[in-house]
Amino acid sequence: MGTAYRIHCAHCGTQFEQTSPGSFGLPAPSAGCGDYVETQTAIRCPVCFKRLNASQEEFRRQVEVTYLWD
């Protein structure tokens, strides 16, 4: 299963799209595709390396799942 993300980093302002066959390094249920977002393991912006998931709300403001495929 793959996932496509649209990311807008609130720290550095970088906007980009990321696709990943491995759910962007996240376990599948924590990819932001439901009610649960992983906050224990840091997910970082690939440009400034600031954390994108300090809270579920912060993650949802910065990361949008745009497409899923099997």
Protein backbone atom coordinates (compact mmCIF):
# COMPACT_ATOMS: atom_id res chain seq x y z
CA MET A 1 0.00 0.00 0.00
CA GLY A 2 1.31 3.45 -0.85
CA THR A 3 0.44 6.89 0.36
CA ALA A 4 0.80 10.35 -1.14
CA TYR A 5 1.11 13.33 1.17
CA ARG A 6 0.98 17.09 0.74
CA ILE A 7 3.15 18.73 3.38
CA HIS A 8 3.34 22.39 4.37
CA CYS A 9 5.92 22.80 7.12
CA ALA A 10 4.84 25.49 9.56
CA HIS A 11 8.44 25.96 10.70
CA CYS A 12 10.25 26.70 7.42
CA GLY A 13 7.32 27.24 5.03
CA THR A 14 8.39 24.46 2.67
CA GLN A 15 5.53 23.02 0.62
CA PHE A 16 5.96 19.74 -1.21
CA GLU A 17 4.37 16.44 -2.05
CA GLN A 18 5.80 13.18 -0.82
CA THR A 19 4.90 9.68 -1.97
CA SER A 20 5.94 6.59 -0.18
CA PRO A 21 5.24 2.89 -0.54
CA GLY A 22 5.97 2.54 3.18
CA SER A 23 3.57 5.20 4.45
CA PHE A 24 6.26 7.88 4.94
CA GLY A 25 7.98 5.78 7.59
CA LEU A 26 4.82 5.51 9.63
CA PRO A 27 2.75 2.52 10.61
CA ALA A 28 -0.31 2.44 8.33
CA PRO A 29 -2.91 3.47 10.96
CA SER A 30 -0.91 6.55 11.92
CA ALA A 31 -0.62 8.02 8.44
CA GLY A 32 -3.28 10.58 9.27
CA CYS A 33 -5.94 8.56 7.45
CA GLY A 34 -8.22 8.24 10.42
CA ASP A 35 -8.65 9.56 13.90
CA TYR A 36 -5.22 8.49 15.19
CA VAL A 37 -1.90 10.19 14.49
CA GLU A 38 1.33 8.81 15.97
CA THR A 39 2.95 11.37 18.28
CA GLN A 40 5.50 9.23 20.13
CA THR A 41 7.85 8.80 17.15
CA ALA A 42 8.99 12.04 15.53
CA ILE A 43 8.05 12.71 11.91
CA ARG A 44 10.29 15.45 10.56
CA CYS A 45 10.30 17.90 7.68
CA PRO A 46 12.94 16.71 5.20
CA VAL A 47 14.16 20.29 4.67
CA CYS A 48 14.46 21.84 8.16
CA PHE A 49 14.13 18.61 10.20
CA LYS A 50 11.61 20.19 12.60
CA ARG A 51 9.05 17.83 14.04
CA LEU A 52 5.69 17.73 12.24
CA ASN A 53 3.78 15.62 14.76
CA ALA A 54 4.29 17.09 18.24
CA SER A 55 0.50 16.84 18.53
CA GLN A 56 -2.28 15.39 16.40
CA GLU A 57 -3.57 18.89 15.65
CA GLU A 58 -0.14 20.12 14.52
CA PHE A 59 0.26 17.09 12.22
CA ARG A 60 -3.16 17.64 10.63
CA ARG A 61 -2.37 21.33 10.00
CA GLN A 62 0.87 20.46 8.18
CA VAL A 63 0.33 17.05 6.55
CA GLU A 64 -2.55 16.04 4.32
CA VAL A 65 -3.01 12.56 2.89
CA THR A 66 -3.96 13.10 -0.74
CA TYR A 67 -3.99 9.57 -2.16
CA LEU A 68 -3.82 5.93 -1.03
CA TRP A 69 -3.27 2.86 -3.20
CA ASP A 70 -2.83 -0.88 -2.74
